[in-house]
Amino acid sequence: MTRCKCKSKAHIPLSERELQVLELVADGLTNEKIAEKLKISKRTVDNHISNILSKTSTHNRVELVRWALLWGKICLDNINCCQVKQLTK
């Protein structure tokens, strides 16, 4: 999973760290694995995910990943990445 490089329609301000966490959630990592990868505590990951869910008005990881794909926050195997940018060319 990679972050989309195009401008997103979503005006939800996610921090750089929240975007990193979001990418790892979309990759299917558990909070424990995300903590290990980012070298932060699991509790910090829990807090980041809680904040992201709140900001995006999503209720679980599945809804969150769907939201992230829909709004161009992440790309999945170069599918549906930067659709808005490609359509405007």
Protein backbone atom coordinates (compact mmCIF):
# COMPACT_ATOMS: atom_id res chain seq x y z
CA MET A 1 0.00 0.00 0.00
CA THR A 2 1.35 3.44 -0.84
CA ARG A 3 0.16 6.94 -0.30
CA CYS A 4 -1.44 8.64 -3.26
CA LYS A 5 0.64 11.56 -4.52
CA CYS A 6 -2.26 13.50 -6.03
CA LYS A 7 -4.36 16.12 -4.30
CA SER A 8 -7.13 14.53 -2.29
CA LYS A 9 -10.73 15.71 -2.33
CA ALA A 10 -10.93 14.94 1.36
CA HIS A 11 -10.28 18.03 3.43
CA ILE A 12 -9.63 15.93 6.51
CA PRO A 13 -6.30 17.07 7.95
CA LEU A 14 -4.33 13.96 8.90
CA SER A 15 -0.84 14.40 10.28
CA GLU A 16 2.14 12.79 8.59
CA ARG A 17 2.27 10.18 11.38
CA GLU A 18 -1.46 9.48 11.04
CA LEU A 19 -0.95 8.91 7.31
CA GLN A 20 1.89 6.48 8.09
CA VAL A 21 -0.34 4.60 10.52
CA LEU A 22 -3.17 4.59 7.98
CA GLU A 23 -0.91 3.03 5.33
CA LEU A 24 0.12 0.28 7.73
CA VAL A 25 -3.49 -0.37 8.75
CA ALA A 26 -4.31 -0.73 5.06
CA ASP A 27 -1.42 -3.20 4.72
CA GLY A 28 -3.19 -5.34 7.32
CA LEU A 29 -0.76 -4.85 10.21
CA THR A 30 -1.97 -5.17 13.78
CA ASN A 31 -1.48 -2.30 16.20
CA GLU A 32 1.39 -4.23 17.78
CA LYS A 33 3.14 -4.66 14.42
CA ILE A 34 2.56 -1.00 13.54
CA ALA A 35 4.14 -0.01 16.85
CA GLU A 36 7.17 -2.19 16.16
CA LYS A 37 7.58 -0.87 12.63
CA LEU A 38 7.30 2.79 13.65
CA LYS A 39 9.25 2.28 16.89
CA ILE A 40 6.48 3.73 19.03
CA SER A 41 4.32 2.23 21.78
CA LYS A 42 1.18 0.25 21.04
CA ARG A 43 -0.77 2.74 23.13
CA THR A 44 0.42 5.55 20.85
CA VAL A 45 -0.75 3.55 17.82
CA ASP A 46 -4.09 2.96 19.54
CA ASN A 47 -4.41 6.72 20.07
CA HIS A 48 -3.47 7.52 16.46
CA ILE A 49 -6.05 5.05 15.13
CA SER A 50 -8.72 6.39 17.47
CA ASN A 51 -7.98 9.94 16.28
CA ILE A 52 -8.03 8.87 12.62
CA LEU A 53 -11.35 7.05 13.04
CA SER A 54 -12.81 10.12 14.71
CA LYS A 55 -11.50 12.56 12.06
CA THR A 56 -12.78 10.40 9.20
CA SER A 57 -16.11 9.50 10.86
CA THR A 58 -15.40 5.81 10.34
CA HIS A 59 -16.14 3.10 12.88
CA ASN A 60 -13.63 0.35 12.15
CA ARG A 61 -10.54 -0.54 10.13
CA VAL A 62 -12.53 -1.77 7.13
CA GLU A 63 -14.48 1.48 6.85
CA LEU A 64 -11.26 3.43 7.36
CA VAL A 65 -9.41 1.65 4.54
CA ARG A 66 -12.43 2.09 2.25
CA TRP A 67 -12.49 5.81 3.11
CA ALA A 68 -8.74 6.10 2.46
CA LEU A 69 -9.05 4.44 -0.96
CA LEU A 70 -12.09 6.50 -1.88
CA TRP A 71 -10.43 9.80 -1.01
CA GLY A 72 -7.01 9.03 -2.44
CA LYS A 73 -5.14 8.84 0.85
CA ILE A 74 -3.65 5.45 -0.10
CA CYS A 75 -3.16 3.43 -3.26
CA LEU A 76 -3.61 -0.32 -3.57
CA ASP A 77 -1.23 -1.97 -6.07
CA ASN A 78 -1.47 1.13 -8.29
CA ILE A 79 -5.22 0.55 -8.71
CA ASN A 80 -7.53 3.53 -8.24
CA CYS A 81 -4.55 5.72 -7.41
CA CYS A 82 -4.93 9.39 -8.13
CA GLN A 83 -8.14 8.85 -10.13
CA VAL A 84 -9.00 12.52 -9.96
CA LYS A 85 -5.63 13.54 -11.40
CA GLN A 86 -5.85 10.96 -14.21
CA LEU A 87 -9.39 11.96 -15.15
CA THR A 88 -8.46 15.64 -15.48
CA LYS A 89 -5.64 15.03 -17.97
